[in-house]
C-alpha atoms as a PDB file:
ATOM      1  CA  UNK A   1       4.377 -43.987  13.223  1.00  0.00           C
ATOM      2  CA  UNK A   2       2.315 -45.463  16.094  1.00  0.00           C
ATOM      3  CA  UNK A   3      -1.037 -44.102  17.232  1.00  0.00           C
ATOM      4  CA  UNK A   4       0.539 -42.066  20.007  1.00  0.00           C
ATOM      5  CA  UNK A   5       3.058 -40.574  17.576  1.00  0.00           C
ATOM      6  CA  UNK A   6       0.298 -39.569  15.177  1.00  0.00           C
ATOM      7  CA  UNK A   7      -1.598 -37.952  18.033  1.00  0.00           C
ATOM      8  CA  UNK A   8       1.439 -35.906  19.098  1.00  0.00           C
ATOM      9  CA  UNK A   9       2.172 -34.824  15.523  1.00  0.00           C
ATOM     10  CA  UNK A  10      -1.456 -33.848  14.979  1.00  0.00           C
ATOM     11  CA  UNK A  11      -1.547 -31.847  18.184  1.00  0.00           C
ATOM     12  CA  UNK A  12       1.672 -30.075  17.209  1.00  0.00           C
ATOM     13  CA  UNK A  13       0.210 -29.107  13.826  1.00  0.00           C
ATOM     14  CA  UNK A  14      -2.898 -27.684  15.497  1.00  0.00           C
ATOM     15  CA  UNK A  15      -0.786 -25.738  17.983  1.00  0.00           C
ATOM     16  CA  UNK A  16       1.298 -24.277  15.164  1.00  0.00           C
ATOM     17  CA  UNK A  17      -1.755 -23.345  13.106  1.00  0.00           C
ATOM     18  CA  UNK A  18      -3.335 -21.571  16.056  1.00  0.00           C
ATOM     19  CA  UNK A  19      -0.051 -19.813  16.816  1.00  0.00           C
ATOM     20  CA  UNK A  20       0.136 -18.504  13.239  1.00  0.00           C
ATOM     21  CA  UNK A  21      -3.502 -17.442  13.231  1.00  0.00           C
ATOM     22  CA  UNK A  22      -3.048 -15.610  16.518  1.00  0.00           C
ATOM     23  CA  UNK A  23       0.110 -13.923  15.256  1.00  0.00           C
ATOM     24  CA  UNK A  24      -1.596 -12.713  12.079  1.00  0.00           C
ATOM     25  CA  UNK A  25      -4.549 -11.444  14.110  1.00  0.00           C
ATOM     26  CA  UNK A  26      -2.357  -9.410  16.474  1.00  0.00           C
ATOM     27  CA  UNK A  27      -1.351  -7.058  13.651  1.00  0.00           C
ATOM     28  CA  UNK A  28      -4.743  -5.358  13.707  1.00  0.00           C
ATOM     29  CA  UNK A  29      -5.855  -6.519  10.248  1.00  0.00           C
ATOM     30  CA  UNK A  30      -2.675  -5.363   8.541  1.00  0.00           C
ATOM     31  CA  UNK A  31      -0.908  -7.651   6.092  1.00  0.00           C
ATOM     32  CA  UNK A  32       1.876  -9.702   7.655  1.00  0.00           C
ATOM     33  CA  UNK A  33       4.758 -10.795   5.380  1.00  0.00           C
ATOM     34  CA  UNK A  34       6.278 -14.261   5.462  1.00  0.00           C
ATOM     35  CA  UNK A  35       9.627 -13.126   7.009  1.00  0.00           C
ATOM     36  CA  UNK A  36       7.760 -11.797  10.043  1.00  0.00           C
ATOM     37  CA  UNK A  37       5.885 -15.073  10.480  1.00  0.00           C
ATOM     38  CA  UNK A  38       9.010 -17.220  10.255  1.00  0.00           C
ATOM     39  CA  UNK A  39      10.997 -14.919  12.544  1.00  0.00           C
ATOM     40  CA  UNK A  40       8.363 -14.635  15.268  1.00  0.00           C
ATOM     41  CA  UNK A  41       7.393 -18.314  15.267  1.00  0.00           C
ATOM     42  CA  UNK A  42      10.831 -19.828  14.733  1.00  0.00           C
ATOM     43  CA  UNK A  43       9.353 -22.171  12.137  1.00  0.00           C
ATOM     44  CA  UNK A  44      10.838 -22.832   8.712  1.00  0.00           C
ATOM     45  CA  UNK A  45       9.365 -21.167   5.638  1.00  0.00           C
ATOM     46  CA  UNK A  46       8.062 -24.484   4.157  1.00  0.00           C
ATOM     47  CA  UNK A  47       6.362 -25.359   7.445  1.00  0.00           C
ATOM     48  CA  UNK A  48       4.740 -21.932   7.737  1.00  0.00           C
ATOM     49  CA  UNK A  49       3.627 -22.039   4.110  1.00  0.00           C
ATOM     50  CA  UNK A  50       2.089 -25.507   4.511  1.00  0.00           C
ATOM     51  CA  UNK A  51       0.078 -24.440   7.542  1.00  0.00           C
ATOM     52  CA  UNK A  52      -0.980 -21.172   5.900  1.00  0.00           C
ATOM     53  CA  UNK A  53      -2.327 -23.048   2.877  1.00  0.00           C
ATOM     54  CA  UNK A  54      -4.583 -25.039   5.198  1.00  0.00           C
ATOM     55  CA  UNK A  55      -5.757 -21.846   6.915  1.00  0.00           C
ATOM     56  CA  UNK A  56      -6.391 -20.222   3.533  1.00  0.00           C
ATOM     57  CA  UNK A  57      -8.464 -23.192   2.384  1.00  0.00           C
ATOM     58  CA  UNK A  58     -10.568 -22.955   5.545  1.00  0.00           C
ATOM     59  CA  UNK A  59     -11.094 -19.197   5.129  1.00  0.00           C
ATOM     60  CA  UNK A  60      -9.265 -18.128   8.275  1.00  0.00           C
ATOM     61  CA  UNK A  61      -6.397 -16.495   6.380  1.00  0.00           C
ATOM     62  CA  UNK A  62      -6.173 -14.649   3.072  1.00  0.00           C
ATOM     63  CA  UNK A  63      -3.116 -13.796   0.975  1.00  0.00           C
ATOM     64  CA  UNK A  64      -2.565 -10.436  -0.680  1.00  0.00           C
ATOM     65  CA  UNK A  65      -1.242 -10.091  -4.265  1.00  0.00           C
ATOM     66  CA  UNK A  66       2.094  -9.072  -2.717  1.00  0.00           C
ATOM     67  CA  UNK A  67       2.315 -12.378  -0.860  1.00  0.00           C
ATOM     68  CA  UNK A  68       1.540 -11.155   2.661  1.00  0.00           C
ATOM     69  CA  UNK A  69      -1.172 -12.599   4.906  1.00  0.00           C
ATOM     70  CA  UNK A  70      -4.138 -11.196   6.832  1.00  0.00           C
ATOM     71  CA  UNK A  71      -7.228 -12.546   8.669  1.00  0.00           C
ATOM     72  CA  UNK A  72      -9.883 -14.140   6.467  1.00  0.00           C
ATOM     73  CA  UNK A  73     -13.701 -13.933   6.648  1.00  0.00           C
ATOM     74  CA  UNK A  74     -14.049 -16.963   8.913  1.00  0.00           C
ATOM     75  CA  UNK A  75     -12.277 -14.963  11.632  1.00  0.00           C
ATOM     76  CA  UNK A  76     -15.129 -12.451  11.508  1.00  0.00           C
ATOM     77  CA  UNK A  77     -17.716 -15.198  11.895  1.00  0.00           C
ATOM     78  CA  UNK A  78     -15.830 -16.765  14.798  1.00  0.00           C
ATOM     79  CA  UNK A  79     -15.295 -13.384  16.428  1.00  0.00           C
ATOM     80  CA  UNK A  80     -18.952 -12.432  16.101  1.00  0.00           C
ATOM     81  CA  UNK A  81     -20.005 -15.695  17.716  1.00  0.00           C
ATOM     82  CA  UNK A  82     -17.523 -15.262  20.559  1.00  0.00           C
ATOM     83  CA  UNK A  83     -18.660 -11.685  21.122  1.00  0.00           C
ATOM     84  CA  UNK A  84     -22.072 -12.959  22.195  1.00  0.00           C
ATOM     85  CA  UNK A  85     -20.396 -14.416  25.281  1.00  0.00           C
ATOM     86  CA  UNK A  86     -17.383 -12.158  25.710  1.00  0.00           C
ATOM     87  CA  UNK A  87     -19.002  -8.737  25.830  1.00  0.00           C
ATOM     88  CA  UNK A  88     -16.253  -6.667  27.462  1.00  0.00           C
ATOM     89  CA  UNK A  89     -15.966  -4.444  24.400  1.00  0.00           C
ATOM     90  CA  UNK A  90     -19.713  -3.782  24.281  1.00  0.00           C
ATOM     91  CA  UNK A  91     -19.962  -2.784  27.944  1.00  0.00           C
ATOM     92  CA  UNK A  92     -16.785  -0.699  27.683  1.00  0.00           C
ATOM     93  CA  UNK A  93     -17.588   1.528  24.697  1.00  0.00           C
ATOM     94  CA  UNK A  94     -19.379   4.268  26.629  1.00  0.00           C
ATOM     95  CA  UNK A  95     -16.496   4.407  29.086  1.00  0.00           C
ATOM     96  CA  UNK A  96     -13.898   4.554  26.316  1.00  0.00           C
ATOM     97  CA  UNK A  97     -15.723   7.451  24.688  1.00  0.00           C
ATOM     98  CA  UNK A  98     -15.927   9.327  28.002  1.00  0.00           C
ATOM     99  CA  UNK A  99     -12.266   8.721  28.782  1.00  0.00           C
ATOM    100  CA  UNK A 100     -11.108   9.900  25.360  1.00  0.00           C
ATOM    101  CA  UNK A 101     -13.342  12.966  25.528  1.00  0.00           C
ATOM    102  CA  UNK A 102     -12.402  13.941  29.083  1.00  0.00           C
ATOM    103  CA  UNK A 103      -8.667  13.309  28.758  1.00  0.00           C
ATOM    104  CA  UNK A 104      -8.157  14.312  25.134  1.00  0.00           C
ATOM    105  CA  UNK A 105      -5.891  11.269  24.795  1.00  0.00           C
ATOM    106  CA  UNK A 106      -6.284   7.719  23.494  1.00  0.00           C
ATOM    107  CA  UNK A 107      -8.250   5.267  25.623  1.00  0.00           C
ATOM    108  CA  UNK A 108      -8.043   1.480  25.359  1.00  0.00           C
ATOM    109  CA  UNK A 109      -9.750  -1.659  26.557  1.00  0.00           C
ATOM    110  CA  UNK A 110      -7.803  -4.911  26.666  1.00  0.00           C
ATOM    111  CA  UNK A 111      -8.878  -8.425  27.561  1.00  0.00           C
ATOM    112  CA  UNK A 112      -6.923 -11.155  29.283  1.00  0.00           C
ATOM    113  CA  UNK A 113      -6.096 -14.252  27.270  1.00  0.00           C
ATOM    114  CA  UNK A 114      -4.153 -16.613  29.511  1.00  0.00           C
ATOM    115  CA  UNK A 115      -0.707 -15.121  30.111  1.00  0.00           C
ATOM    116  CA  UNK A 116      -1.339 -12.327  27.591  1.00  0.00           C
ATOM    117  CA  UNK A 117      -3.320  -9.147  27.098  1.00  0.00           C
ATOM    118  CA  UNK A 118      -5.073  -8.428  23.783  1.00  0.00           C
ATOM    119  CA  UNK A 119      -6.164  -4.910  22.839  1.00  0.00           C
ATOM    120  CA  UNK A 120      -9.830  -4.913  21.812  1.00  0.00           C
ATOM    121  CA  UNK A 121     -10.312  -1.246  20.916  1.00  0.00           C
ATOM    122  CA  UNK A 122      -8.706   2.192  20.989  1.00  0.00           C
ATOM    123  CA  UNK A 123     -10.665   5.434  21.060  1.00  0.00           C
ATOM    124  CA  UNK A 124      -8.914   8.613  19.964  1.00  0.00           C
ATOM    125  CA  UNK A 125      -9.100  11.800  22.003  1.00  0.00           C
ATOM    126  CA  UNK A 126      -9.080  15.334  20.672  1.00  0.00           C
ATOM    127  CA  UNK A 127      -5.440  16.204  21.372  1.00  0.00           C
ATOM    128  CA  UNK A 128      -3.714  16.502  17.979  1.00  0.00           C
ATOM    129  CA  UNK A 129      -0.485  14.704  18.925  1.00  0.00           C
ATOM    130  CA  UNK A 130      -1.174  11.023  19.528  1.00  0.00           C
ATOM    131  CA  UNK A 131       0.720   7.883  20.389  1.00  0.00           C
ATOM    132  CA  UNK A 132       0.056   4.893  18.153  1.00  0.00           C
ATOM    133  CA  UNK A 133       1.936   2.266  20.137  1.00  0.00           C
ATOM    134  CA  UNK A 134      -1.094   0.032  20.779  1.00  0.00           C
ATOM    135  CA  UNK A 135      -3.530  -1.077  18.096  1.00  0.00           C
ATOM    136  CA  UNK A 136      -6.580  -3.364  18.251  1.00  0.00           C
ATOM    137  CA  UNK A 137      -5.457  -6.970  18.065  1.00  0.00           C
ATOM    138  CA  UNK A 138      -2.043  -6.287  19.615  1.00  0.00           C
ATOM    139  CA  UNK A 139      -1.065  -9.096  21.982  1.00  0.00           C
ATOM    140  CA  UNK A 140       1.470  -8.601  24.791  1.00  0.00           C
ATOM    141  CA  UNK A 141       2.610 -10.745  27.707  1.00  0.00           C
ATOM    142  CA  UNK A 142       0.960  -9.645  30.931  1.00  0.00           C
ATOM    143  CA  UNK A 143       3.141  -6.945  32.460  1.00  0.00           C
ATOM    144  CA  UNK A 144       4.322  -5.488  29.133  1.00  0.00           C
ATOM    145  CA  UNK A 145       2.467  -2.186  28.911  1.00  0.00           C
ATOM    146  CA  UNK A 146       0.124  -0.344  31.264  1.00  0.00           C
ATOM    147  CA  UNK A 147      -3.002  -2.367  30.556  1.00  0.00           C
ATOM    148  CA  UNK A 148      -1.126  -5.664  30.641  1.00  0.00           C
ATOM    149  CA  UNK A 149       0.532  -4.702  33.937  1.00  0.00           C
ATOM    150  CA  UNK A 150      -2.831  -3.665  35.395  1.00  0.00           C
ATOM    151  CA  UNK A 151      -4.169  -7.150  34.653  1.00  0.00           C
ATOM    152  CA  UNK A 152      -1.066  -8.772  36.149  1.00  0.00           C
ATOM    153  CA  UNK A 153      -1.476  -6.687  39.308  1.00  0.00           C
ATOM    154  CA  UNK A 154      -5.002  -8.064  39.790  1.00  0.00           C
ATOM    155  CA  UNK A 155      -3.802 -11.679  39.876  1.00  0.00           C
ATOM    156  CA  UNK A 156      -2.817 -13.590  42.981  1.00  0.00           C
ATOM    157  CA  UNK A 157       0.866 -13.828  43.864  1.00  0.00           C
ATOM    158  CA  UNK A 158       0.995 -17.435  42.702  1.00  0.00           C
ATOM    159  CA  UNK A 159      -0.817 -16.808  39.428  1.00  0.00           C
ATOM    160  CA  UNK A 160       1.273 -13.726  38.660  1.00  0.00           C
ATOM    161  CA  UNK A 161       4.467 -15.718  39.175  1.00  0.00           C
ATOM    162  CA  UNK A 162       3.148 -18.447  36.881  1.00  0.00           C
ATOM    163  CA  UNK A 163       2.586 -15.813  34.184  1.00  0.00           C
ATOM    164  CA  UNK A 164       6.070 -14.382  34.628  1.00  0.00           C
ATOM    165  CA  UNK A 165       7.565 -17.867  34.349  1.00  0.00           C
ATOM    166  CA  UNK A 166       5.490 -18.710  31.269  1.00  0.00           C
ATOM    167  CA  UNK A 167       6.409 -15.552  29.353  1.00  0.00           C
ATOM    168  CA  UNK A 168      10.097 -15.337  30.290  1.00  0.00           C
ATOM    169  CA  UNK A 169      11.478 -16.571  26.957  1.00  0.00           C
ATOM    170  CA  UNK A 170       9.043 -14.475  24.931  1.00  0.00           C
ATOM    171  CA  UNK A 171       9.911 -11.332  26.869  1.00  0.00           C
ATOM    172  CA  UNK A 172      13.636 -11.962  26.531  1.00  0.00           C
ATOM    173  CA  UNK A 173      13.277 -12.305  22.757  1.00  0.00           C
ATOM    174  CA  UNK A 174      10.779  -9.531  22.018  1.00  0.00           C
ATOM    175  CA  UNK A 175      10.694  -7.201  25.052  1.00  0.00           C
ATOM    176  CA  UNK A 176      14.191  -7.261  26.561  1.00  0.00           C
ATOM    177  CA  UNK A 177      13.521  -4.287  28.852  1.00  0.00           C
ATOM    178  CA  UNK A 178      10.814  -6.242  30.668  1.00  0.00           C
ATOM    179  CA  UNK A 179      12.901  -8.790  32.518  1.00  0.00           C
ATOM    180  CA  UNK A 180      11.761 -10.512  35.717  1.00  0.00           C
ATOM    181  CA  UNK A 181      13.340  -7.954  38.039  1.00  0.00           C
ATOM    182  CA  UNK A 182      11.667  -5.046  36.246  1.00  0.00           C
ATOM    183  CA  UNK A 183       8.262  -6.758  36.195  1.00  0.00           C
ATOM    184  CA  UNK A 184       8.361  -7.693  39.873  1.00  0.00           C
ATOM    185  CA  UNK A 185       9.320  -4.160  40.876  1.00  0.00           C
ATOM    186  CA  UNK A 186       6.611  -2.546  38.717  1.00  0.00           C
ATOM    187  CA  UNK A 187       4.101  -5.128  39.896  1.00  0.00           C
ATOM    188  CA  UNK A 188       4.709  -4.207  43.527  1.00  0.00           C
ATOM    189  CA  UNK A 189       4.300  -0.503  42.722  1.00  0.00           C
ATOM    190  CA  UNK A 190       1.089  -1.066  40.746  1.00  0.00           C
ATOM    191  CA  UNK A 191      -0.454  -3.096  43.541  1.00  0.00           C
ATOM    192  CA  UNK A 192       0.504  -0.509  46.138  1.00  0.00           C
ATOM    193  CA  UNK A 193      -1.039   2.501  44.362  1.00  0.00           C
ATOM    194  CA  UNK A 194      -3.875   0.711  42.568  1.00  0.00           C
ATOM    195  CA  UNK A 195      -2.878   1.574  38.992  1.00  0.00           C
ATOM    196  CA  UNK A 196      -0.020   0.863  36.620  1.00  0.00           C
ATOM    197  CA  UNK A 197       2.282   3.223  34.761  1.00  0.00           C
ATOM    198  CA  UNK A 198       4.324   2.509  31.650  1.00  0.00           C
ATOM    199  CA  UNK A 199       6.846   5.379  31.374  1.00  0.00           C
ATOM    200  CA  UNK A 200       7.852   4.917  27.749  1.00  0.00           C
ATOM    201  CA  UNK A 201       9.378   1.495  28.332  1.00  0.00           C
ATOM    202  CA  UNK A 202       7.820  -0.057  25.234  1.00  0.00           C
ATOM    203  CA  UNK A 203       8.115   2.933  22.887  1.00  0.00           C
ATOM    204  CA  UNK A 204      10.059   6.049  23.880  1.00  0.00           C
ATOM    205  CA  UNK A 205       7.924   9.126  24.639  1.00  0.00           C
ATOM    206  CA  UNK A 206       4.741   7.035  24.773  1.00  0.00           C
ATOM    207  CA  UNK A 207       3.423   6.778  28.322  1.00  0.00           C
ATOM    208  CA  UNK A 208       0.310   5.015  29.583  1.00  0.00           C
ATOM    209  CA  UNK A 209      -1.700   4.405  32.748  1.00  0.00           C
ATOM    210  CA  UNK A 210      -3.899   1.358  33.333  1.00  0.00           C
ATOM    211  CA  UNK A 211      -6.359  -0.114  35.817  1.00  0.00           C
ATOM    212  CA  UNK A 212      -7.774  -3.655  35.937  1.00  0.00           C
ATOM    213  CA  UNK A 213     -11.351  -4.555  35.074  1.00  0.00           C
ATOM    214  CA  UNK A 214     -12.807  -7.508  36.968  1.00  0.00           C
ATOM    215  CA  UNK A 215     -15.530  -9.898  35.952  1.00  0.00           C
ATOM    216  CA  UNK A 216     -18.623 -10.727  38.028  1.00  0.00           C
ATOM    217  CA  UNK A 217     -16.668 -13.382  39.942  1.00  0.00           C
ATOM    218  CA  UNK A 218     -13.940 -10.885  40.859  1.00  0.00           C
ATOM    219  CA  UNK A 219     -11.322 -12.374  38.557  1.00  0.00           C
ATOM    220  CA  UNK A 220      -9.186 -10.174  36.306  1.00  0.00           C
ATOM    221  CA  UNK A 221     -11.057  -9.889  33.026  1.00  0.00           C
ATOM    222  CA  UNK A 222      -9.121  -7.107  31.307  1.00  0.00           C
ATOM    223  CA  UNK A 223      -7.994  -3.506  31.691  1.00  0.00           C
ATOM    224  CA  UNK A 224      -8.707   0.088  30.779  1.00  0.00           C
ATOM    225  CA  UNK A 225      -5.803   2.362  29.904  1.00  0.00           C
ATOM    226  CA  UNK A 226      -4.984   5.836  28.632  1.00  0.00           C
ATOM    227  CA  UNK A 227      -1.896   6.572  26.534  1.00  0.00           C
ATOM    228  CA  UNK A 228      -0.349   9.918  25.659  1.00  0.00           C
ATOM    229  CA  UNK A 229       2.950  11.532  24.804  1.00  0.00           C
ATOM    230  CA  UNK A 230       5.261  11.943  27.775  1.00  0.00           C
ATOM    231  CA  UNK A 231       4.716  15.706  28.140  1.00  0.00           C
ATOM    232  CA  UNK A 232       1.040  15.033  28.909  1.00  0.00           C
ATOM    233  CA  UNK A 233       1.804  12.439  31.572  1.00  0.00           C
ATOM    234  CA  UNK A 234       3.129  14.801  34.215  1.00  0.00           C
ATOM    235  CA  UNK A 235       3.312  13.570  37.832  1.00  0.00           C
ATOM    236  CA  UNK A 236       0.379  15.741  38.907  1.00  0.00           C
ATOM    237  CA  UNK A 237      -1.817  14.534  36.013  1.00  0.00           C
ATOM    238  CA  UNK A 238      -1.152  10.828  36.461  1.00  0.00           C
ATOM    239  CA  UNK A 239      -3.364  10.412  39.569  1.00  0.00           C
ATOM    240  CA  UNK A 240      -6.143  12.381  37.863  1.00  0.00           C
ATOM    241  CA  UNK A 241      -6.138  10.021  34.887  1.00  0.00           C
ATOM    242  CA  UNK A 242      -5.963   7.032  37.216  1.00  0.00           C
ATOM    243  CA  UNK A 243      -9.086   8.182  39.052  1.00  0.00           C
ATOM    244  CA  UNK A 244     -10.910   8.633  35.745  1.00  0.00           C
ATOM    245  CA  UNK A 245      -9.949   5.097  34.765  1.00  0.00           C
ATOM    246  CA  UNK A 246     -11.002   3.658  38.125  1.00  0.00           C
ATOM    247  CA  UNK A 247     -14.389   5.354  37.878  1.00  0.00           C
ATOM    248  CA  UNK A 248     -15.036   3.913  34.426  1.00  0.00           C
ATOM    249  CA  UNK A 249     -13.752   0.477  35.426  1.00  0.00           C
ATOM    250  CA  UNK A 250     -16.284   0.466  38.279  1.00  0.00           C
ATOM    251  CA  UNK A 251     -19.065   1.331  35.815  1.00  0.00           C
ATOM    252  CA  UNK A 252     -18.034  -1.504  33.500  1.00  0.00           C
ATOM    253  CA  UNK A 253     -17.925  -3.958  36.373  1.00  0.00           C
ATOM    254  CA  UNK A 254     -21.399  -2.850  37.501  1.00  0.00           C
ATOM    255  CA  UNK A 255     -22.794  -3.377  34.010  1.00  0.00           C
ATOM    256  CA  UNK A 256     -21.634  -6.971  34.078  1.00  0.00           C
ATOM    257  CA  UNK A 257     -23.465  -7.841  37.289  1.00  0.00           C
ATOM    258  CA  UNK A 258     -26.890  -9.383  36.786  1.00  0.00           C
ATOM    259  CA  UNK A 259     -29.916  -7.376  37.908  1.00  0.00           C
ATOM    260  CA  UNK A 260     -27.849  -4.339  38.855  1.00  0.00           C
ATOM    261  CA  UNK A 261     -28.517  -0.810  37.562  1.00  0.00           C
ATOM    262  CA  UNK A 262     -25.596   1.004  35.871  1.00  0.00           C
END
C-alpha cells in the first residue's frame, strides 16, 4: 500500500475507534454488549473486536465478565482534564437543583457536540412518577428531543440546515419520527416562541421542554430542559416551565461572562 493509502487506512481506524468509544460512552456507564456495537456502527464483529482490544489496552474501555463493554479509567482522566475548560456542568448545577425543586420534575443540562447534543447531568425532582428517557451520556442528533431542538433553534439558518443534512441518515435509521419535514416544522415553532417542546415523540408519555444556553460569544453552547410525564405537561403549565428554564439559562450565561456578578 502506498503512503497515501496507509494514511487513509490509519485515519479510518482512528475514526472507527472514536466512534466506538463515543457509542460506549453514550450509554451512561452501563455495559454495552457486542451486538449493540455491531448493529449501531454497521461494522463487522471481528473489526469491532479488534478495535476494542486496542481501546482496552489503552485503558479507555473495559470488558465485563459477561463480555459487554463500558468506559475505562482513562475516560475519567480525559473527562476531568476537559472539564477544566468545558465548565457548563459546574455553572449549571445550582440551576438544575432549583429547577428540579421548583418543578418537582427532572431537569437536565446538555452540551452541543457538533451536530449532536450530549446529556451531561439529570437532577431528579420530588414528584414520585418520573420519566427516564434521557440519561447522562446520551447522545442525540440536534433536533431529537427538547434540549437538542433548543440547541438547533439557536443556530443560524445555514448552520441548522447543515446539521439536518449531516444527521439525515442517522435519524432515518434510529429516530424515524424525526424526518426533515418534522424537524423544520418544530424548528420554526421553537424559534417563534423561544422554547422547544417534545410531546412524547421519542418515548410515548414522556414530554419535555427546553431552552438554549449560549456561551460568552453568543454561540449555542448547550441547553436546559425539564422532562415529565404527559399529564404534568398541560398547555397552561408549559409556558410556566419555559419561563423557569429561561431564567436559569440567563443565570448560567451570566456566570460564564468574565468580571460579571451572578
